[in-house]
Protein backbone atom coordinates (compact mmCIF):
# COMPACT_ATOMS: atom_id res chain seq x y z
CA MET A 1 186.29 67.90 61.56
CA ASN A 2 189.60 67.41 63.34
CA ILE A 3 190.55 70.98 64.28
CA LYS A 4 193.82 69.81 65.83
CA SER A 5 195.10 68.66 62.44
CA HIS A 6 194.81 72.27 61.20
CA ILE A 7 197.07 73.73 63.92
CA ARG A 8 200.76 73.79 63.08
CA THR A 9 203.54 73.60 65.63
CA ILE A 10 206.54 75.90 65.34
CA PRO A 11 209.44 74.63 67.48
CA ASP A 12 211.61 77.03 69.49
CA TRP A 13 209.46 80.11 68.85
CA PRO A 14 209.75 82.69 70.33
CA HIS A 15 212.68 80.87 71.97
CA PRO A 16 213.72 77.31 72.91
CA PRO A 17 212.11 75.10 74.16
CA VAL A 18 208.69 76.67 73.42
CA ARG A 19 206.57 74.75 70.90
CA PHE A 20 204.29 77.48 69.53
CA ARG A 21 200.82 76.25 68.48
CA ASP A 22 199.96 78.48 65.54
CA VAL A 23 196.27 78.95 64.70
CA SER A 24 197.17 80.93 61.55
CA SER A 25 197.13 77.69 59.57
CA LEU A 26 193.52 77.07 60.69
CA LEU A 27 192.49 80.63 59.84
CA ARG A 28 193.95 80.30 56.32
CA ASP A 29 191.80 77.24 55.62
CA PRO A 30 188.25 78.47 54.91
CA GLY A 31 186.70 75.06 55.60
CA GLY A 32 188.66 74.55 58.82
CA PHE A 33 187.95 78.07 60.05
CA ARG A 34 184.24 77.72 59.27
CA ALA A 35 184.09 74.36 61.06
CA ALA A 36 185.83 75.77 64.14
CA MET A 37 183.49 78.78 64.33
CA GLU A 38 180.43 76.57 63.82
CA MET A 39 181.63 74.40 66.73
CA PHE A 40 181.82 77.49 68.95
CA ILE A 41 178.43 78.77 67.77
CA GLY A 42 176.87 75.37 68.43
CA PHE A 43 178.42 75.11 71.89
CA TYR A 44 177.70 78.67 73.06
CA GLY A 45 174.44 79.30 71.20
CA ASP A 46 172.22 78.49 74.17
CA LYS A 47 174.54 79.55 77.02
CA PRO A 48 173.44 82.45 79.26
CA PHE A 49 175.94 85.25 78.69
CA ASP A 50 175.49 88.92 77.85
CA VAL A 51 178.78 89.98 76.24
CA VAL A 52 181.51 88.34 74.17
CA ALA A 53 185.03 89.58 74.88
CA GLY A 54 188.15 88.84 72.84
CA LEU A 55 191.75 88.98 74.01
CA ASP A 56 194.31 90.99 72.04
CA ALA A 57 194.86 90.01 69.30
CA ARG A 58 194.04 86.51 68.05
CA GLY A 59 191.13 86.20 70.49
CA PHE A 60 189.39 89.00 68.60
CA ILE A 61 188.77 86.63 65.69
CA PRO A 62 186.56 83.98 67.33
CA ALA A 63 185.03 86.61 69.63
CA ALA A 64 183.91 88.75 66.70
CA VAL A 65 182.43 85.79 64.83
CA LEU A 66 180.53 84.64 67.93
CA ALA A 67 179.28 88.12 68.82
CA TYR A 68 178.00 88.59 65.28
CA ALA A 69 176.45 85.13 64.96
CA LEU A 70 174.78 85.22 68.38
CA GLY A 71 173.74 88.89 68.35
CA LYS A 72 175.83 89.86 71.40
CA PRO A 73 177.96 92.95 72.09
CA LEU A 74 181.70 92.58 71.44
CA VAL A 75 184.34 93.89 73.87
CA MET A 76 188.06 94.09 73.20
CA VAL A 77 190.58 93.33 75.93
CA ARG A 78 193.73 95.10 74.74
CA LYS A 79 197.35 95.49 75.64
CA LYS A 80 198.07 98.66 77.63
CA GLY A 81 197.87 101.92 75.72
CA LYS A 82 195.67 100.69 72.85
CA LEU A 83 192.23 101.80 74.04
CA PRO A 84 190.87 105.36 74.15
CA GLY A 85 188.84 106.73 77.03
CA GLU A 86 188.92 105.73 80.67
CA THR A 87 190.51 102.33 81.21
CA ILE A 88 191.62 100.01 84.00
CA HIS A 89 194.52 97.61 83.75
CA ALA A 90 195.99 94.43 85.24
CA ALA A 91 199.56 93.10 85.03
CA TYR A 92 200.20 89.41 84.48
CA GLN A 93 202.99 86.91 83.81
CA LEU A 94 203.43 85.22 80.47
CA GLU A 95 205.31 81.99 79.87
CA TYR A 96 208.17 84.15 78.62
CA GLY A 97 207.71 87.63 80.13
CA GLN A 98 205.29 90.10 81.68
CA SER A 99 202.57 92.27 80.17
CA ILE A 100 199.59 94.50 81.01
CA LEU A 101 196.01 94.22 79.77
CA GLU A 102 193.29 96.83 79.92
CA ILE A 103 189.63 97.37 79.23
CA GLN A 104 187.48 100.46 79.07
CA THR A 105 185.61 101.12 82.30
CA ASP A 106 182.31 101.14 80.39
CA ALA A 107 183.12 97.98 78.39
CA ALA A 108 180.11 96.08 79.72
CA PRO A 109 177.17 96.87 82.00
CA LYS A 110 177.49 96.00 85.70
CA GLY A 111 176.24 92.49 86.38
CA ALA A 112 176.95 91.25 82.85
CA ASN A 113 177.99 87.63 82.30
CA VAL A 114 180.97 87.59 79.97
CA LEU A 115 182.14 84.92 77.54
CA LEU A 116 185.88 85.45 77.09
CA MET A 117 187.53 84.13 73.90
CA ASP A 118 191.16 83.55 72.96
CA ASP A 119 193.04 81.47 70.47
CA LEU A 120 194.91 79.45 73.07
CA ILE A 121 194.98 78.64 76.79
CA ALA A 122 198.51 78.19 78.13
CA THR A 123 199.32 79.11 81.75
CA GLY A 124 196.11 81.12 82.05
CA GLY A 125 197.86 84.33 83.10
CA THR A 126 196.35 86.49 80.36
CA LEU A 127 192.88 85.04 80.80
CA CYS A 128 192.97 85.36 84.60
CA ALA A 129 194.02 89.01 84.23
CA ALA A 130 191.02 89.58 81.95
CA VAL A 131 188.72 87.85 84.47
CA GLN A 132 190.06 90.23 87.13
CA LEU A 133 189.46 93.27 84.91
CA PHE A 134 185.83 92.36 84.27
CA GLY A 135 185.36 91.71 87.98
CA ASN A 136 186.72 95.18 88.69
CA ILE A 137 183.95 96.75 86.59
CA GLY A 138 181.23 94.62 88.20
CA CYS A 139 180.96 91.84 85.62
CA SER A 140 181.47 88.09 85.86
CA VAL A 141 183.41 85.99 83.36
CA THR A 142 181.42 82.76 83.38
CA ASP A 143 183.06 81.03 80.41
CA VAL A 144 186.32 80.96 78.50
CA GLY A 145 186.52 79.53 75.00
CA ALA A 146 189.67 78.81 73.02
CA ILE A 147 190.71 77.00 69.89
CA VAL A 148 193.63 75.26 71.63
CA ASN A 149 194.21 74.19 75.23
CA LEU A 150 197.76 73.37 76.34
CA ALA A 151 196.53 71.26 79.25
CA GLU A 152 199.99 70.47 80.63
CA LEU A 153 200.50 74.18 81.40
CA ASN A 154 197.44 74.08 83.71
CA GLY A 155 195.81 77.31 82.54
CA SER A 156 192.43 75.64 82.12
CA ARG A 157 192.65 74.20 85.65
CA ARG A 158 193.65 77.63 86.98
CA LEU A 159 190.54 79.15 85.39
CA GLU A 160 188.28 76.36 86.65
CA ARG A 161 189.63 76.89 90.20
CA ILE A 162 188.34 80.48 90.09
CA GLY A 163 184.90 79.33 88.89
CA VAL A 164 185.22 79.82 85.13
CA ARG A 165 183.97 77.11 82.76
CA VAL A 166 186.46 76.27 79.98
CA PHE A 167 185.80 74.93 76.49
CA ALA A 168 188.50 74.32 73.89
CA LEU A 169 188.20 72.79 70.45
CA CYS A 170 191.41 70.75 70.85
CA GLU A 171 194.26 69.98 73.24
CA PHE A 172 197.99 69.48 72.80
CA ASN A 173 200.54 68.00 75.14
CA GLU A 174 204.29 68.67 75.15
CA THR A 175 205.22 65.62 73.09
CA GLU A 176 202.90 66.38 70.18
C-alpha cells in the first residue's frame, strides 16, 4: 500500500510557508491505518528493544499499537506538566517555536533499549530531546520510527549522527 497517498498536505499551517503533513487522513482510513501499523509491526517485530515510547501526542498512536502487538511496555513522552510523579525534562526548538518534553524518572528500567515512535520526523528537535531524556535515566534509544520523514529538514540525519536508526513509512520533499 502507498502510505504517502493517504497523507494530506495543508499549506500555510500553522503559518506560511509551512506545508503541514497531516496523518489524520491516514488514521481515518481503516485500511490505510491497518496497513501502516502492519508495516511497523513487520519491521520492528524481530528488533531487539525493551520498551516502546510515543511522543505527545500523535506518536502515542503507533507506539500504543506496536507495544500491544509486540507485547512490550509503553511509555509516554509528554509536554511539560502533563505527567504525575517525579519527572525530568528537556527543552528543544521546533520549526516554529520552543517547547519542553518530560518523562517520568521511572519510565523504563536502566539499560533498556527504547524504540521511539512519532507521526513525523521534521528537524528532529523533539526526537533528540526525547533521546536525551531516556539517556538521562540510563536508557538508550536505539530506533526511531515515524509515519512520515521530511528528509529535507534533516531530522533523520540528525538522529543518525547520534547513533539512532531511523525508519519511516514515507518521505516528502518541499515541492510535493
